[in-house]
Amino acid sequence: MLLTGGAALLAPLLVRPVARLLPVPRSGAVGLLVRENGAAAVRRTAAVAAPVLVTVALAGTLFGASESVARAKETEARERTTAAYVAEGPAVKLPPRTDGGAVVAASGPTSLFVRDGAEAVVKYGARAVADPAAFAALSRLPVVAGDLRDLDDRSIVVNEEFERRRVGEEVEVWRADGSGPVRLRVAAVLARGTGDNGPYVTRAQAPGAVLDRLESDRPLPAAGDASAAPAAGNRAAATGLRLVLVLVLLYTVIALASTLLMATSVRGGELASLRLAGATRAQALRAVTGEAVLAVAIGTALGLGVTAAVLGALGAGLAALSAPVVLAVPWLPTGAAAGVCALVAVAASALPAWRLSR
């Protein structure tokens, strides 16, 4: 938001150099007039470009950041296991037997509470492991210290967010049911990643934990209700972002229409001069609407610049957390926002220009 607002405030200073860089046709009187008028009428062009900039930047940054983080989480989830088969669901259960020496690692969600300072207590979403040996054999977690094979009923695998994160140190935790505190030895330390890297404990430290994930190096018998249902939260988040974009776009449409209707309505003398210079009515209309489209293009270019800066910073942050960097540029929402702005700008400038150029 700060970067978007800053770019919008600086729009009057950025209009002229961006207008020079955009590929506006140089040949022909109309193309030359559009380019020169757009660069010369800085305040008018900036008044149109600024709301477009905000809309395109918000569409690009909100959808781009959300999709990039979601893809990073998915990639991280795929990369943190060597299992050939994974079953996830609300009630998966261990198969009755595993022929042929199959390695099966089961885990479920739990919570751990750790004291932070004298009074604060921090809650961590953790995973309870049913078989530490199988878990270590199939896991490909980003271990920065220690060994996953050392996990047992009296130890814990933490990530770099923990205050005590040196291998061999003891961490005082409370279990999900409120029991404790218990002192667990740090067996291994993981990189932060996207937030799902640990902590890990055994089921002995997670009373009541229900298994919801099975990993195996070969096919398993029926593993219970293994439906892939984690996308509901993503769908809800995407719906919320779409609603935000619709509201922003609505305000942008109002701003563009009112600005261009008023700005074009006072250009009667300019249009009359064009007609006296030999321009046809169609050429005058093309010049006015071309300027509006140029202003929208300038706002779109600046909005994409803000999007690139935000996604670049996000990628650097993910890399610093040892998370996969999978950046997603949301071309559909940004293109749709820019297209709607262009249509409104053309209509709002063409109507008064048509009346004045008679």
Protein backbone atom coordinates (compact mmCIF):
# COMPACT_ATOMS: atom_id res chain seq x y z
CA MET A 1 0.00 0.00 0.00
CA LEU A 2 2.82 2.43 0.81
CA LEU A 3 4.56 1.74 -2.48
CA THR A 4 1.31 2.08 -4.43
CA GLY A 5 0.40 5.33 -2.69
CA GLY A 6 3.90 6.71 -3.19
CA ALA A 7 3.84 5.92 -6.90
CA ALA A 8 0.40 7.55 -7.23
CA LEU A 9 1.66 10.72 -5.50
CA LEU A 10 4.67 10.81 -7.82
CA ALA A 11 2.55 10.24 -10.94
CA PRO A 12 2.92 13.89 -12.16
CA LEU A 13 6.69 13.46 -12.15
CA LEU A 14 6.59 10.05 -13.80
CA VAL A 15 4.06 10.79 -16.57
CA ARG A 16 6.44 12.47 -19.03
CA PRO A 17 9.29 9.90 -18.97
CA VAL A 18 6.88 6.96 -19.12
CA ALA A 19 4.96 8.56 -21.99
CA ARG A 20 8.23 8.87 -23.91
CA LEU A 21 9.02 5.19 -23.34
CA LEU A 22 5.67 3.76 -24.37
CA PRO A 23 5.44 2.58 -28.01
CA VAL A 24 3.01 5.26 -29.25
CA PRO A 25 3.00 5.43 -33.07
CA ARG A 26 5.23 8.28 -34.19
CA SER A 27 4.02 8.38 -37.77
CA GLY A 28 0.96 10.41 -38.64
CA ALA A 29 -0.40 13.63 -37.21
CA VAL A 30 -2.74 11.92 -34.75
CA GLY A 31 -0.03 9.72 -33.22
CA LEU A 32 2.32 12.68 -32.87
CA LEU A 33 -0.42 14.80 -31.33
CA VAL A 34 -1.37 12.07 -28.83
CA ARG A 35 2.22 11.60 -27.68
CA GLU A 36 3.02 15.30 -27.35
CA ASN A 37 -0.28 16.28 -25.74
CA GLY A 38 -0.05 13.40 -23.27
CA ALA A 39 3.46 14.40 -22.24
CA ALA A 40 2.69 18.14 -22.14
CA ALA A 41 -0.64 18.05 -20.25
CA VAL A 42 0.97 16.49 -17.20
CA ARG A 43 -1.78 17.27 -14.67
CA ARG A 44 -4.57 15.98 -16.89
CA THR A 45 -2.67 12.82 -17.79
CA ALA A 46 -1.65 12.20 -14.18
CA ALA A 47 -5.23 12.67 -12.97
CA VAL A 48 -6.26 9.78 -15.25
CA ALA A 49 -3.17 7.63 -14.72
CA ALA A 50 -3.17 7.74 -10.90
CA PRO A 51 -6.42 5.80 -10.25
CA VAL A 52 -5.47 3.30 -12.96
CA LEU A 53 -2.09 2.87 -11.30
CA VAL A 54 -3.72 2.14 -7.93
CA THR A 55 -6.16 -0.38 -9.43
CA VAL A 56 -3.59 -2.27 -11.49
CA ALA A 57 -1.05 -2.24 -8.65
CA LEU A 58 -3.56 -3.56 -6.12
CA ALA A 59 -4.74 -6.25 -8.54
CA GLY A 60 -1.17 -7.28 -9.29
CA THR A 61 0.17 -7.19 -5.75
CA LEU A 62 -2.81 -8.74 -3.94
CA PHE A 63 -3.39 -11.57 -6.40
CA GLY A 64 0.30 -11.97 -7.23
CA ALA A 65 1.43 -12.19 -3.60
CA SER A 66 -1.40 -14.52 -2.62
CA GLU A 67 -0.85 -16.86 -5.58
CA SER A 68 2.94 -16.78 -5.19
CA VAL A 69 2.76 -17.75 -1.51
CA ALA A 70 0.21 -20.48 -2.29
CA ARG A 71 2.46 -21.90 -5.01
CA ALA A 72 5.48 -21.71 -2.72
CA LYS A 73 3.57 -23.67 -0.07
CA GLU A 74 2.50 -26.30 -2.61
CA THR A 75 6.03 -26.64 -3.97
CA GLU A 76 7.46 -26.84 -0.46
CA ALA A 77 4.92 -29.52 0.48
CA ARG A 78 5.94 -31.60 -2.56
CA GLU A 79 9.65 -31.14 -1.94
CA ARG A 80 9.65 -31.98 1.77
CA THR A 81 8.90 -35.67 1.26
CA THR A 82 10.40 -38.48 -0.81
CA ALA A 83 7.21 -40.53 -0.55
CA ALA A 84 5.77 -41.82 -3.80
CA TYR A 85 2.23 -41.87 -2.38
CA VAL A 86 0.58 -39.41 -0.03
CA ALA A 87 -2.94 -39.62 1.42
CA GLU A 88 -4.48 -36.65 3.19
CA GLY A 89 -7.86 -36.30 4.80
CA PRO A 90 -9.72 -35.76 8.05
CA ALA A 91 -9.58 -39.38 9.15
CA VAL A 92 -6.81 -41.36 7.48
CA LYS A 93 -5.67 -44.43 9.37
CA LEU A 94 -2.71 -46.72 9.27
CA PRO A 95 -3.22 -49.75 7.03
CA PRO A 96 -3.64 -53.08 8.85
CA ARG A 97 -0.37 -54.40 7.43
CA THR A 98 2.37 -53.30 5.07
CA ASP A 99 3.68 -56.17 2.95
CA GLY A 100 7.07 -56.06 1.33
CA GLY A 101 8.69 -53.75 3.84
CA ALA A 102 6.83 -50.61 2.84
CA VAL A 103 7.84 -47.51 4.75
CA VAL A 104 4.76 -45.71 6.08
CA ALA A 105 4.91 -42.38 7.90
CA ALA A 106 1.74 -41.04 9.51
CA SER A 107 1.25 -37.69 11.19
CA GLY A 108 -1.47 -35.41 12.47
CA PRO A 109 -1.91 -31.81 13.60
CA THR A 110 -1.42 -30.72 17.17
CA SER A 111 -0.51 -27.58 19.10
CA LEU A 112 2.37 -26.70 21.35
CA PHE A 113 2.63 -23.72 23.68
CA VAL A 114 5.99 -22.17 24.50
CA ARG A 115 6.66 -19.40 27.00
CA ASP A 116 8.07 -16.25 25.43
CA GLY A 117 9.58 -14.06 28.11
CA ALA A 118 8.14 -13.75 31.58
CA GLU A 119 4.43 -13.68 30.75
CA ALA A 120 3.68 -14.26 27.05
CA VAL A 121 2.90 -17.75 25.72
CA VAL A 122 3.20 -18.50 22.00
CA LYS A 123 1.09 -21.13 20.28
CA TYR A 124 2.71 -23.19 17.52
CA GLY A 125 0.90 -25.40 15.06
CA ALA A 126 2.87 -28.65 15.17
CA ARG A 127 2.80 -32.13 13.66
CA ALA A 128 2.62 -35.32 15.72
CA VAL A 129 4.59 -38.20 14.17
CA ALA A 130 3.44 -41.79 14.64
CA ASP A 131 6.72 -43.49 13.65
CA PRO A 132 9.86 -41.30 13.99
CA ALA A 133 12.04 -43.74 12.04
CA ALA A 134 9.66 -43.84 9.05
CA PHE A 135 9.21 -40.08 9.27
CA ALA A 136 12.98 -39.54 9.06
CA ALA A 137 13.29 -42.03 6.19
CA LEU A 138 10.69 -40.29 4.00
CA SER A 139 11.21 -36.67 4.98
CA ARG A 140 13.23 -34.20 2.97
CA LEU A 141 12.83 -31.27 5.32
CA PRO A 142 15.25 -28.29 5.23
CA VAL A 143 17.39 -29.32 8.19
CA VAL A 144 19.96 -26.70 9.15
CA ALA A 145 21.25 -28.48 12.26
CA GLY A 146 20.84 -31.86 13.91
CA ASP A 147 19.29 -35.05 12.54
CA LEU A 148 15.63 -36.03 12.13
CA ARG A 149 16.54 -39.60 13.08
CA ASP A 150 17.15 -38.41 16.65
CA LEU A 151 13.48 -37.56 17.19
CA ASP A 152 11.92 -39.61 20.00
CA ASP A 153 9.33 -39.27 22.78
CA ARG A 154 11.61 -36.94 24.78
CA SER A 155 12.75 -34.67 21.97
CA ILE A 156 11.39 -32.15 19.48
CA VAL A 157 12.23 -30.85 16.01
CA VAL A 158 11.95 -27.04 15.95
CA ASN A 159 12.43 -24.36 13.33
CA GLU A 160 14.45 -21.17 13.36
CA GLU A 161 11.55 -19.20 14.87
CA PHE A 162 12.15 -20.80 18.27
CA GLU A 163 14.12 -18.81 20.81
CA ARG A 164 15.92 -22.01 21.90
CA ARG A 165 16.99 -23.70 18.72
CA ARG A 166 20.42 -25.16 19.34
CA VAL A 167 20.66 -28.92 19.04
CA GLY A 168 20.81 -30.47 22.50
CA GLU A 169 19.12 -27.55 24.26
CA GLU A 170 15.90 -28.22 26.16
CA VAL A 171 12.62 -26.52 25.32
CA GLU A 172 9.82 -26.23 27.87
CA VAL A 173 6.44 -26.78 26.18
CA TRP A 174 2.80 -27.30 27.11
CA ARG A 175 0.77 -29.85 25.14
CA ALA A 176 -2.43 -29.20 23.19
CA ASP A 177 -4.62 -30.42 26.07
CA GLY A 178 -2.95 -27.95 28.45
CA SER A 179 -0.85 -30.54 30.25
CA GLY A 180 2.74 -29.77 31.06
CA PRO A 181 5.14 -28.25 31.09
CA VAL A 182 7.47 -30.90 29.71
CA ARG A 183 11.09 -30.39 28.79
CA LEU A 184 12.03 -31.71 25.36
CA ARG A 185 15.50 -31.88 23.87
CA VAL A 186 16.04 -30.22 20.46
CA ALA A 187 16.85 -33.02 18.03
CA ALA A 188 17.01 -30.95 14.84
CA VAL A 189 16.43 -27.41 13.59
CA LEU A 190 14.62 -26.57 10.35
CA ALA A 191 14.61 -23.48 8.16
CA ARG A 192 11.54 -21.28 8.52
CA GLY A 193 10.19 -21.84 5.00
CA THR A 194 6.61 -20.71 4.37
CA GLY A 195 5.52 -21.49 7.92
CA ASP A 196 4.76 -25.23 7.82
CA ASN A 197 8.23 -26.48 8.77
CA GLY A 198 7.71 -27.81 12.26
CA PRO A 199 7.75 -28.14 15.06
CA TYR A 200 7.49 -31.93 15.10
CA VAL A 201 6.98 -34.21 18.09
CA THR A 202 5.93 -37.81 18.56
CA ARG A 203 2.35 -38.80 19.41
CA ALA A 204 3.42 -39.28 23.02
CA GLN A 205 3.54 -35.48 23.28
CA ALA A 206 0.28 -34.93 21.38
CA PRO A 207 -2.62 -36.50 23.28
CA GLY A 208 -5.74 -36.69 21.17
CA ALA A 209 -3.98 -35.95 17.88
CA VAL A 210 -5.85 -37.44 14.89
CA LEU A 211 -3.83 -38.65 11.91
CA ASP A 212 -4.61 -36.76 8.71
CA ARG A 213 -1.61 -37.58 6.50
CA LEU A 214 -0.04 -40.84 5.35
CA GLU A 215 3.16 -41.07 3.32
CA SER A 216 4.52 -44.26 1.80
CA ASP A 217 7.16 -45.38 -0.63
CA ARG A 218 4.68 -47.72 -2.36
CA PRO A 219 0.91 -48.18 -2.83
CA LEU A 220 -1.10 -48.86 0.33
CA PRO A 221 -4.39 -50.59 1.08
CA ALA A 222 -7.36 -48.31 1.74
CA ALA A 223 -6.17 -45.52 4.00
CA GLY A 224 -9.51 -44.14 5.11
CA ASP A 225 -11.06 -40.88 3.99
CA ALA A 226 -8.25 -39.35 1.95
CA SER A 227 -9.90 -36.47 0.15
CA ALA A 228 -7.90 -33.45 -0.98
CA ALA A 229 -9.87 -30.71 0.72
CA PRO A 230 -7.39 -28.01 1.72
CA ALA A 231 -8.44 -25.74 -1.13
CA ALA A 232 -11.53 -24.33 0.63
CA GLY A 233 -9.51 -21.70 2.45
CA ASN A 234 -7.76 -20.74 -0.78
CA ARG A 235 -11.11 -20.35 -2.55
CA ALA A 236 -12.45 -18.15 0.25
CA ALA A 237 -9.33 -15.97 0.14
CA ALA A 238 -9.55 -15.64 -3.66
CA THR A 239 -13.22 -14.64 -3.38
CA GLY A 240 -12.34 -11.97 -0.83
CA LEU A 241 -9.60 -10.59 -3.08
CA ARG A 242 -12.01 -10.45 -6.01
CA LEU A 243 -14.51 -8.48 -3.93
CA VAL A 244 -11.79 -6.01 -2.92
CA LEU A 245 -10.74 -5.61 -6.56
CA VAL A 246 -14.35 -5.03 -7.66
CA LEU A 247 -14.78 -2.27 -5.08
CA VAL A 248 -11.49 -0.61 -6.06
CA LEU A 249 -12.40 -0.89 -9.74
CA LEU A 250 -15.81 0.67 -9.09
CA TYR A 251 -14.22 3.72 -7.46
CA THR A 252 -11.69 3.92 -10.29
CA VAL A 253 -14.43 3.88 -12.91
CA ILE A 254 -16.21 6.73 -11.11
CA ALA A 255 -12.97 8.72 -10.85
CA LEU A 256 -12.04 8.18 -14.51
CA ALA A 257 -15.50 9.02 -15.83
CA SER A 258 -15.86 12.22 -13.79
CA THR A 259 -12.29 13.38 -14.49
CA LEU A 260 -12.44 12.83 -18.25
CA LEU A 261 -15.95 14.20 -18.66
CA MET A 262 -14.94 17.44 -16.95
CA ALA A 263 -11.48 17.67 -18.54
CA THR A 264 -12.74 17.05 -22.08
CA SER A 265 -15.72 19.38 -21.72
CA VAL A 266 -13.40 22.42 -21.40
CA ARG A 267 -11.34 21.54 -24.48
CA GLY A 268 -13.73 23.17 -26.94
CA GLY A 269 -11.20 25.76 -28.08
CA GLU A 270 -8.50 23.12 -28.59
CA LEU A 271 -10.81 20.95 -30.67
CA ALA A 272 -11.97 23.94 -32.68
CA SER A 273 -8.34 24.78 -33.45
CA LEU A 274 -7.79 21.23 -34.66
CA ARG A 275 -10.77 21.50 -36.99
CA LEU A 276 -9.53 24.85 -38.33
CA ALA A 277 -6.11 23.30 -38.93
CA GLY A 278 -7.74 20.76 -41.24
CA ALA A 279 -8.40 17.81 -38.91
CA THR A 280 -11.57 15.89 -39.58
CA ARG A 281 -14.06 15.13 -36.84
CA ALA A 282 -12.89 11.52 -36.75
CA GLN A 283 -9.26 12.59 -36.41
CA ALA A 284 -10.11 14.94 -33.55
CA LEU A 285 -11.97 12.13 -31.79
CA ARG A 286 -9.05 9.77 -32.31
CA ALA A 287 -6.66 12.32 -30.83
CA VAL A 288 -8.79 12.85 -27.71
CA THR A 289 -9.50 9.16 -27.11
CA GLY A 290 -5.87 8.32 -27.91
CA GLU A 291 -4.73 10.64 -25.14
CA ALA A 292 -7.12 8.91 -22.73
CA VAL A 293 -5.80 5.50 -23.75
CA LEU A 294 -2.22 6.76 -23.37
CA ALA A 295 -2.98 7.98 -19.84
CA VAL A 296 -4.47 4.57 -18.99
CA ALA A 297 -1.40 2.87 -20.49
CA ILE A 298 0.89 5.06 -18.36
CA GLY A 299 -1.06 4.15 -15.23
CA THR A 300 -0.95 0.47 -16.20
CA ALA A 301 2.81 0.59 -16.77
CA LEU A 302 3.37 2.26 -13.40
CA GLY A 303 1.05 -0.26 -11.72
CA LEU A 304 2.97 -3.15 -13.27
CA GLY A 305 6.18 -1.54 -12.04
CA VAL A 306 4.83 -1.50 -8.49
CA THR A 307 3.72 -5.13 -8.90
CA ALA A 308 7.18 -6.14 -10.09
CA ALA A 309 8.80 -4.40 -7.12
CA VAL A 310 6.46 -6.06 -4.61
CA LEU A 311 6.78 -9.53 -6.12
CA GLY A 312 10.54 -9.12 -6.34
CA ALA A 313 10.68 -8.23 -2.65
CA LEU A 314 8.41 -11.18 -1.87
CA GLY A 315 10.71 -13.50 -3.81
CA ALA A 316 13.72 -12.19 -1.90
CA GLY A 317 11.87 -12.74 1.38
CA LEU A 318 10.96 -16.32 0.45
CA ALA A 319 14.55 -17.01 -0.55
CA ALA A 320 15.78 -15.61 2.77
CA LEU A 321 13.45 -18.06 4.54
CA SER A 322 14.81 -20.98 2.44
CA ALA A 323 11.36 -21.34 0.86
CA PRO A 324 10.75 -22.11 -2.83
CA VAL A 325 10.51 -18.96 -4.95
CA VAL A 326 7.62 -19.51 -7.39
CA LEU A 327 6.40 -16.05 -8.37
CA ALA A 328 3.04 -15.78 -10.13
CA VAL A 329 2.21 -12.70 -12.21
CA PRO A 330 -1.60 -12.30 -12.23
CA TRP A 331 -2.05 -11.29 -15.85
CA LEU A 332 -5.80 -11.99 -15.90
CA PRO A 333 -6.91 -9.64 -13.08
CA THR A 334 -4.43 -6.91 -14.02
CA GLY A 335 -5.36 -7.15 -17.69
CA ALA A 336 -9.07 -7.12 -16.86
CA ALA A 337 -8.65 -4.06 -14.62
CA ALA A 338 -6.65 -2.21 -17.27
CA GLY A 339 -9.15 -3.17 -19.98
CA VAL A 340 -12.12 -1.88 -18.00
CA CYS A 341 -10.27 1.37 -17.28
CA ALA A 342 -9.45 1.79 -20.98
CA LEU A 343 -13.07 1.25 -22.06
CA VAL A 344 -14.37 3.75 -19.51
CA ALA A 345 -11.69 6.29 -20.46
CA VAL A 346 -12.50 6.05 -24.16
CA ALA A 347 -16.24 6.41 -23.57
CA ALA A 348 -15.91 9.28 -21.08
CA SER A 349 -13.60 11.25 -23.40
CA ALA A 350 -15.37 10.45 -26.69
CA LEU A 351 -18.84 11.62 -25.63
CA PRO A 352 -18.00 15.28 -24.85
CA ALA A 353 -15.42 15.40 -27.66
CA TRP A 354 -18.03 14.30 -30.18
CA ARG A 355 -20.34 17.09 -29.06
CA LEU A 356 -17.62 19.77 -29.05
CA SER A 357 -16.06 18.84 -32.38
CA ARG A 358 -19.19 19.43 -34.45
